[in-house]
C-alpha atoms as a PDB file:
ATOM      1  CA  MET A   1      -5.565  -8.702 -22.279  1.00  0.00           C
ATOM      2  CA  GLU A   2      -2.044  -7.468 -20.421  1.00  0.00           C
ATOM      3  CA  GLY A   3      -2.573  -7.652 -16.540  1.00  0.00           C
ATOM      4  CA  ILE A   4      -2.763  -4.659 -14.868  1.00  0.00           C
ATOM      5  CA  PHE A   5      -1.273  -3.888 -11.174  1.00  0.00           C
ATOM      6  CA  ILE A   6      -2.599  -1.077  -8.591  1.00  0.00           C
ATOM      7  CA  THR A   7      -1.855  -0.450  -5.274  1.00  0.00           C
ATOM      8  CA  MET A   8      -3.606   1.442  -2.223  1.00  0.00           C
ATOM      9  CA  GLU A   9      -1.330   3.531  -0.435  1.00  0.00           C
ATOM     10  CA  GLY A  10      -2.497   5.863   2.719  1.00  0.00           C
ATOM     11  CA  PRO A  11      -2.293   6.409   6.371  1.00  0.00           C
ATOM     12  CA  ASP A  12      -4.243   4.001   8.807  1.00  0.00           C
ATOM     13  CA  GLY A  13      -8.089   4.693   8.350  1.00  0.00           C
ATOM     14  CA  SER A  14      -7.882   6.397   5.148  1.00  0.00           C
ATOM     15  CA  GLY A  15     -10.528   3.847   3.657  1.00  0.00           C
ATOM     16  CA  LYS A  16      -8.059   2.468   1.550  1.00  0.00           C
ATOM     17  CA  THR A  17     -10.534  -1.125   2.149  1.00  0.00           C
ATOM     18  CA  THR A  18     -13.487   0.608   1.273  1.00  0.00           C
ATOM     19  CA  GLN A  19     -11.716   2.522  -2.430  1.00  0.00           C
ATOM     20  CA  ILE A  20     -10.345  -1.906  -3.320  1.00  0.00           C
ATOM     21  CA  ASP A  21     -13.536  -3.160  -3.188  1.00  0.00           C
ATOM     22  CA  LEU A  22     -15.145  -0.714  -5.157  1.00  0.00           C
ATOM     23  CA  LEU A  23     -12.354  -0.885  -7.490  1.00  0.00           C
ATOM     24  CA  LYS A  24     -11.953  -4.288  -7.611  1.00  0.00           C
ATOM     25  CA  LYS A  25     -15.926  -4.354  -8.452  1.00  0.00           C
ATOM     26  CA  TYR A  26     -14.956  -1.663 -11.636  1.00  0.00           C
ATOM     27  CA  LEU A  27     -12.440  -3.878 -13.409  1.00  0.00           C
ATOM     28  CA  GLU A  28     -14.585  -6.821 -13.325  1.00  0.00           C
ATOM     29  CA  SER A  29     -16.515  -5.001 -15.610  1.00  0.00           C
ATOM     30  CA  ARG A  30     -13.940  -4.586 -17.737  1.00  0.00           C
ATOM     31  CA  GLY A  31     -13.808  -7.906 -18.057  1.00  0.00           C
ATOM     32  CA  TYR A  32     -10.805  -8.739 -15.198  1.00  0.00           C
ATOM     33  CA  ASP A  33      -9.942 -11.600 -12.986  1.00  0.00           C
ATOM     34  CA  ILE A  34      -9.013  -9.725  -9.863  1.00  0.00           C
ATOM     35  CA  VAL A  35      -6.634 -10.740  -6.996  1.00  0.00           C
ATOM     36  CA  ILE A  36      -6.525  -8.492  -4.061  1.00  0.00           C
ATOM     37  CA  ALA A  37      -3.711  -8.989  -2.143  1.00  0.00           C
ATOM     38  CA  ARG A  38      -2.064  -7.002   0.965  1.00  0.00           C
ATOM     39  CA  GLU A  39       1.056  -6.335   2.650  1.00  0.00           C
ATOM     40  CA  PRO A  40       2.298  -7.453   4.681  1.00  0.00           C
ATOM     41  CA  GLY A  41       0.738 -11.067   4.197  1.00  0.00           C
ATOM     42  CA  GLY A  42      -0.887 -12.833   1.210  1.00  0.00           C
ATOM     43  CA  THR A  43       0.819 -15.759   1.520  1.00  0.00           C
ATOM     44  CA  VAL A  44       1.309 -18.212   4.139  1.00  0.00           C
ATOM     45  CA  ILE A  45       4.682 -17.062   4.744  1.00  0.00           C
ATOM     46  CA  GLY A  46       3.880 -13.110   4.648  1.00  0.00           C
ATOM     47  CA  GLU A  47       1.122 -13.794   6.990  1.00  0.00           C
ATOM     48  CA  ALA A  48       3.842 -15.576   9.806  1.00  0.00           C
ATOM     49  CA  ILE A  49       5.541 -12.847   9.365  1.00  0.00           C
ATOM     50  CA  ARG A  50       2.712 -10.006   9.365  1.00  0.00           C
ATOM     51  CA  GLU A  51       2.022 -11.949  12.573  1.00  0.00           C
ATOM     52  CA  ILE A  52       5.676 -11.172  14.140  1.00  0.00           C
ATOM     53  CA  ILE A  53       5.717  -6.952  12.201  1.00  0.00           C
ATOM     54  CA  LEU A  54       2.463  -6.201  13.593  1.00  0.00           C
ATOM     55  CA  ASN A  55       2.596  -7.785  17.625  1.00  0.00           C
ATOM     56  CA  PRO A  56       2.569  -5.076  20.264  1.00  0.00           C
ATOM     57  CA  GLU A  57       4.719  -7.568  22.329  1.00  0.00           C
ATOM     58  CA  TYR A  58       7.831  -6.815  20.090  1.00  0.00           C
ATOM     59  CA  ARG A  59       8.532  -3.025  20.993  1.00  0.00           C
ATOM     60  CA  GLU A  60      11.655  -4.181  20.701  1.00  0.00           C
ATOM     61  CA  MET A  61      12.171  -4.763  17.077  1.00  0.00           C
ATOM     62  CA  SER A  62      15.112  -2.760  15.402  1.00  0.00           C
ATOM     63  CA  HIS A  63      14.367  -0.440  12.609  1.00  0.00           C
ATOM     64  CA  MET A  64      16.278  -2.626  10.345  1.00  0.00           C
ATOM     65  CA  THR A  65      14.929  -5.870  11.350  1.00  0.00           C
ATOM     66  CA  GLU A  66      11.448  -3.891  10.408  1.00  0.00           C
ATOM     67  CA  LEU A  67      12.296  -3.023   7.272  1.00  0.00           C
ATOM     68  CA  LEU A  68      14.086  -6.599   6.100  1.00  0.00           C
ATOM     69  CA  LEU A  69      10.847  -8.147   7.051  1.00  0.00           C
ATOM     70  CA  TYR A  70       8.632  -6.224   5.491  1.00  0.00           C
ATOM     71  CA  ALA A  71      11.194  -6.726   2.052  1.00  0.00           C
ATOM     72  CA  SER A  72      11.118 -10.441   2.973  1.00  0.00           C
ATOM     73  CA  ALA A  73       7.215 -10.427   2.919  1.00  0.00           C
ATOM     74  CA  ARG A  74       6.569  -8.513   0.009  1.00  0.00           C
ATOM     75  CA  ALA A  75       9.275 -10.782  -1.985  1.00  0.00           C
ATOM     76  CA  GLN A  76       7.181 -13.942  -1.180  1.00  0.00           C
ATOM     77  CA  LEU A  77       4.042 -11.746  -2.409  1.00  0.00           C
ATOM     78  CA  VAL A  78       5.434 -11.251  -5.602  1.00  0.00           C
ATOM     79  CA  ASN A  79       7.107 -14.642  -6.890  1.00  0.00           C
ATOM     80  CA  GLN A  80       4.098 -16.857  -5.581  1.00  0.00           C
ATOM     81  CA  VAL A  81       1.427 -13.903  -5.763  1.00  0.00           C
ATOM     82  CA  ILE A  82       1.532 -10.810  -8.279  1.00  0.00           C
ATOM     83  CA  LYS A  83       4.108 -12.231 -10.801  1.00  0.00           C
ATOM     84  CA  PRO A  84       2.266 -15.085 -11.990  1.00  0.00           C
ATOM     85  CA  ALA A  85      -1.014 -13.051 -12.002  1.00  0.00           C
ATOM     86  CA  LEU A  86       0.124 -10.256 -14.110  1.00  0.00           C
ATOM     87  CA  LEU A  87       1.465 -12.906 -16.236  1.00  0.00           C
ATOM     88  CA  PHE A  88      -1.744 -14.091 -16.563  1.00  0.00           C
ATOM     89  CA  GLY A  89      -3.445 -11.419 -17.482  1.00  0.00           C
ATOM     90  CA  LYS A  90      -5.698 -10.701 -14.747  1.00  0.00           C
ATOM     91  CA  ALA A  91      -5.426  -7.075 -12.186  1.00  0.00           C
ATOM     92  CA  VAL A  92      -4.049  -7.365  -9.168  1.00  0.00           C
ATOM     93  CA  ILE A  93      -4.570  -4.745  -6.307  1.00  0.00           C
ATOM     94  CA  CYS A  94      -2.188  -4.862  -3.348  1.00  0.00           C
ATOM     95  CA  ASP A  95      -2.923  -2.940  -0.167  1.00  0.00           C
ATOM     96  CA  ARG A  96       0.495  -1.498   0.535  1.00  0.00           C
ATOM     97  CA  PHE A  97       3.312  -1.669  -1.638  1.00  0.00           C
ATOM     98  CA  VAL A  98       7.016  -0.982  -1.506  1.00  0.00           C
ATOM     99  CA  GLU A  99       5.803   3.022  -0.888  1.00  0.00           C
ATOM    100  CA  SER A 100       4.383   2.134   2.382  1.00  0.00           C
ATOM    101  CA  SER A 101       7.976   0.750   3.361  1.00  0.00           C
ATOM    102  CA  ALA A 102       9.496   3.945   1.919  1.00  0.00           C
ATOM    103  CA  VAL A 103       7.449   6.170   4.310  1.00  0.00           C
ATOM    104  CA  TYR A 104       7.069   3.501   7.608  1.00  0.00           C
ATOM    105  CA  GLN A 105      10.124   2.437   7.790  1.00  0.00           C
ATOM    106  CA  GLY A 106      12.239   5.489   5.825  1.00  0.00           C
ATOM    107  CA  ILE A 107      10.859   8.402   6.691  1.00  0.00           C
ATOM    108  CA  GLY A 108       9.191   7.386   9.669  1.00  0.00           C
ATOM    109  CA  ARG A 109      12.099   5.772  11.498  1.00  0.00           C
ATOM    110  CA  GLY A 110      14.581   7.794  10.019  1.00  0.00           C
ATOM    111  CA  LEU A 111      16.134   4.791   7.603  1.00  0.00           C
ATOM    112  CA  GLY A 112      16.205   6.461   4.870  1.00  0.00           C
ATOM    113  CA  VAL A 113      13.665   6.244   1.091  1.00  0.00           C
ATOM    114  CA  ASP A 114      17.091   5.333  -0.899  1.00  0.00           C
ATOM    115  CA  THR A 115      18.242   2.343   1.203  1.00  0.00           C
ATOM    116  CA  VAL A 116      14.519   1.565   1.376  1.00  0.00           C
ATOM    117  CA  TYR A 117      14.048   1.727  -2.757  1.00  0.00           C
ATOM    118  CA  GLU A 118      18.119  -0.399  -2.761  1.00  0.00           C
ATOM    119  CA  ILE A 119      16.676  -2.801  -0.549  1.00  0.00           C
ATOM    120  CA  ASN A 120      13.261  -4.113  -2.498  1.00  0.00           C
ATOM    121  CA  ASN A 121      14.297  -3.648  -5.497  1.00  0.00           C
ATOM    122  CA  TYR A 122      15.789  -7.283  -4.580  1.00  0.00           C
ATOM    123  CA  ALA A 123      12.737  -7.882  -3.464  1.00  0.00           C
ATOM    124  CA  LEU A 124      10.772  -6.443  -6.417  1.00  0.00           C
ATOM    125  CA  GLY A 125      13.003  -7.584  -9.413  1.00  0.00           C
ATOM    126  CA  GLU A 126      10.982  -6.340 -11.944  1.00  0.00           C
ATOM    127  CA  VAL A 127       7.696  -6.625 -10.761  1.00  0.00           C
ATOM    128  CA  LYS A 128       6.408  -2.732 -10.131  1.00  0.00           C
ATOM    129  CA  PRO A 129       2.915  -1.029  -9.320  1.00  0.00           C
ATOM    130  CA  GLU A 130       1.624   0.719 -12.662  1.00  0.00           C
ATOM    131  CA  LEU A 131      -0.463   3.287 -10.630  1.00  0.00           C
ATOM    132  CA  THR A 132      -0.308   3.781  -7.015  1.00  0.00           C
ATOM    133  CA  ILE A 133      -3.889   5.394  -5.622  1.00  0.00           C
ATOM    134  CA  PHE A 134      -2.418   7.510  -2.288  1.00  0.00           C
ATOM    135  CA  MET A 135      -5.696   8.051   0.138  1.00  0.00           C
ATOM    136  CA  ASP A 136      -4.285  11.824   1.710  1.00  0.00           C
ATOM    137  CA  LEU A 137      -5.621  11.657   5.071  1.00  0.00           C
ATOM    138  CA  ASP A 138      -4.183  14.493   8.042  1.00  0.00           C
ATOM    139  CA  ALA A 139      -2.810  11.941  10.272  1.00  0.00           C
ATOM    140  CA  ALA A 140      -5.272  12.753  14.173  1.00  0.00           C
ATOM    141  CA  ASP A 141      -7.673  11.880  11.593  1.00  0.00           C
ATOM    142  CA  GLY A 142      -6.535   8.355  10.910  1.00  0.00           C
ATOM    143  CA  ILE A 143      -5.164   7.444  13.749  1.00  0.00           C
ATOM    144  CA  ARG A 144      -8.983   8.440  14.900  1.00  0.00           C
ATOM    145  CA  ARG A 145     -11.211   6.849  12.906  1.00  0.00           C
ATOM    146  CA  LYS A 146      -8.717   3.342  13.591  1.00  0.00           C
ATOM    147  CA  LYS A 147      -9.028   3.677  17.207  1.00  0.00           C
ATOM    148  CA  SER A 148     -12.735   3.366  16.730  1.00  0.00           C
ATOM    149  CA  GLN A 149     -12.705   0.150  14.037  1.00  0.00           C
ATOM    150  CA  THR A 150     -10.474  -2.208  16.396  1.00  0.00           C
ATOM    151  CA  ASP A 151      -7.665  -3.039  18.474  1.00  0.00           C
ATOM    152  CA  LEU A 152      -4.480  -1.554  17.287  1.00  0.00           C
ATOM    153  CA  ASP A 153      -0.767  -3.280  16.317  1.00  0.00           C
ATOM    154  CA  ARG A 154       2.241  -2.244  16.762  1.00  0.00           C
ATOM    155  CA  MET A 155       2.770   0.206  13.969  1.00  0.00           C
ATOM    156  CA  GLU A 156      -0.464   2.206  14.984  1.00  0.00           C
ATOM    157  CA  LEU A 157       0.592   2.573  18.506  1.00  0.00           C
ATOM    158  CA  GLU A 158       3.420   4.475  17.107  1.00  0.00           C
ATOM    159  CA  ASP A 159       2.510   7.909  18.288  1.00  0.00           C
ATOM    160  CA  LEU A 160       1.346  10.617  16.809  1.00  0.00           C
ATOM    161  CA  SER A 161       4.503  12.580  15.793  1.00  0.00           C
ATOM    162  CA  PHE A 162       5.925   8.902  13.758  1.00  0.00           C
ATOM    163  CA  HIS A 163       1.979   9.009  11.708  1.00  0.00           C
ATOM    164  CA  LYS A 164       2.601  12.598  10.678  1.00  0.00           C
ATOM    165  CA  ARG A 165       6.200  11.877   9.198  1.00  0.00           C
ATOM    166  CA  VAL A 166       4.415   9.340   7.698  1.00  0.00           C
ATOM    167  CA  VAL A 167       1.891  11.236   6.107  1.00  0.00           C
ATOM    168  CA  GLU A 168       4.026  14.148   4.998  1.00  0.00           C
ATOM    169  CA  GLY A 169       6.105  11.149   3.325  1.00  0.00           C
ATOM    170  CA  TYR A 170       3.285   9.799   1.058  1.00  0.00           C
ATOM    171  CA  ARG A 171       2.659  13.592   0.140  1.00  0.00           C
ATOM    172  CA  GLN A 172       6.928  13.951  -0.446  1.00  0.00           C
ATOM    173  CA  LEU A 173       6.875  11.218  -2.823  1.00  0.00           C
ATOM    174  CA  ALA A 174       3.331  11.659  -5.170  1.00  0.00           C
ATOM    175  CA  GLU A 175       5.499  15.018  -5.065  1.00  0.00           C
ATOM    176  CA  LEU A 176       8.475  13.019  -6.465  1.00  0.00           C
ATOM    177  CA  TYR A 177       6.599  10.796  -9.158  1.00  0.00           C
ATOM    178  CA  PRO A 178       3.262  12.089 -10.254  1.00  0.00           C
ATOM    179  CA  GLU A 179       2.890   9.621 -13.573  1.00  0.00           C
ATOM    180  CA  ARG A 180       2.414   7.187 -10.923  1.00  0.00           C
ATOM    181  CA  ILE A 181       1.324   7.680  -7.607  1.00  0.00           C
ATOM    182  CA  PHE A 182      -2.218   9.855  -7.766  1.00  0.00           C
ATOM    183  CA  PRO A 183      -3.284  11.822  -4.784  1.00  0.00           C
ATOM    184  CA  VAL A 184      -7.322  11.340  -3.824  1.00  0.00           C
ATOM    185  CA  ASP A 185      -8.492  13.540  -0.807  1.00  0.00           C
ATOM    186  CA  ALA A 186      -9.382  11.220   1.774  1.00  0.00           C
ATOM    187  CA  THR A 187     -12.159  13.108   3.422  1.00  0.00           C
ATOM    188  CA  LEU A 188     -14.670  13.192   0.075  1.00  0.00           C
ATOM    189  CA  SER A 189     -16.886  10.826   0.025  1.00  0.00           C
ATOM    190  CA  ILE A 190     -17.030   7.195  -0.495  1.00  0.00           C
ATOM    191  CA  GLU A 191     -18.591   8.302  -3.856  1.00  0.00           C
ATOM    192  CA  GLU A 192     -16.199  11.069  -5.104  1.00  0.00           C
ATOM    193  CA  ILE A 193     -13.291   8.877  -4.498  1.00  0.00           C
ATOM    194  CA  HIS A 194     -14.307   6.002  -6.101  1.00  0.00           C
ATOM    195  CA  SER A 195     -15.313   8.240  -9.320  1.00  0.00           C
ATOM    196  CA  MET A 196     -12.177   9.792  -8.849  1.00  0.00           C
ATOM    197  CA  ILE A 197      -9.955   6.868  -9.218  1.00  0.00           C
ATOM    198  CA  VAL A 198     -12.495   5.133 -11.654  1.00  0.00           C
ATOM    199  CA  ASN A 199     -11.479   8.068 -13.901  1.00  0.00           C
ATOM    200  CA  GLU A 200      -7.566   8.174 -13.293  1.00  0.00           C
ATOM    201  CA  VAL A 201      -7.824   4.158 -13.699  1.00  0.00           C
ATOM    202  CA  LYS A 202      -9.733   5.048 -16.985  1.00  0.00           C
ATOM    203  CA  LYS A 203      -6.865   7.632 -18.441  1.00  0.00           C
ATOM    204  CA  ARG A 204      -4.159   5.097 -17.610  1.00  0.00           C
ATOM    205  CA  PHE A 205      -5.447   1.930 -18.933  1.00  0.00           C
ATOM    206  CA  PHE A 206      -7.926   2.207 -21.095  1.00  0.00           C
ATOM    207  CA  SER A 207      -9.036   4.285 -24.354  1.00  0.00           C
ATOM    208  CA  GLU A 208     -12.014   5.321 -24.725  1.00  0.00           C
END
């Protein structure tokens, strides 16, 4: 059994966590051992970096510092968790990955998508997701959902115009890389979204 690497992307409040849990159960039913990871984080070092990146008190953080911290946490996650799991034939589902940096730092912060991918090539090495599921939700709806759930972190506290750029960035990436990025309307029901994701996973990974 070969390893599978799937990432789940989308704006805050789009329902990624719910769909990751359902996808995990589906892949377990196909016989896979599952590794769930999140970004930034997923390792002791990554979680420490997460605390720095998302701390609302660190508003003075430069955009490039932010980008490099995300890439550092990602490099640790790839080498410590993702790569070994794939070598052992496990299925890895990651809540956010390099596309988050492409849209949040590359587009939202204005650093440029090409810059983000160039820097992250060093962090990723040969490890790339085979499928990226993009939960497409308007920025205002996502922030509204998020505010009702929890206190907001440093990234979530950015103004609405920033989050609108992020969502538009995701949509642009989905158009640029349709062979890998699968967009899903996040306003659909949980069951409808899960069914669409399962159908796409079957098509890509299982010959039936």
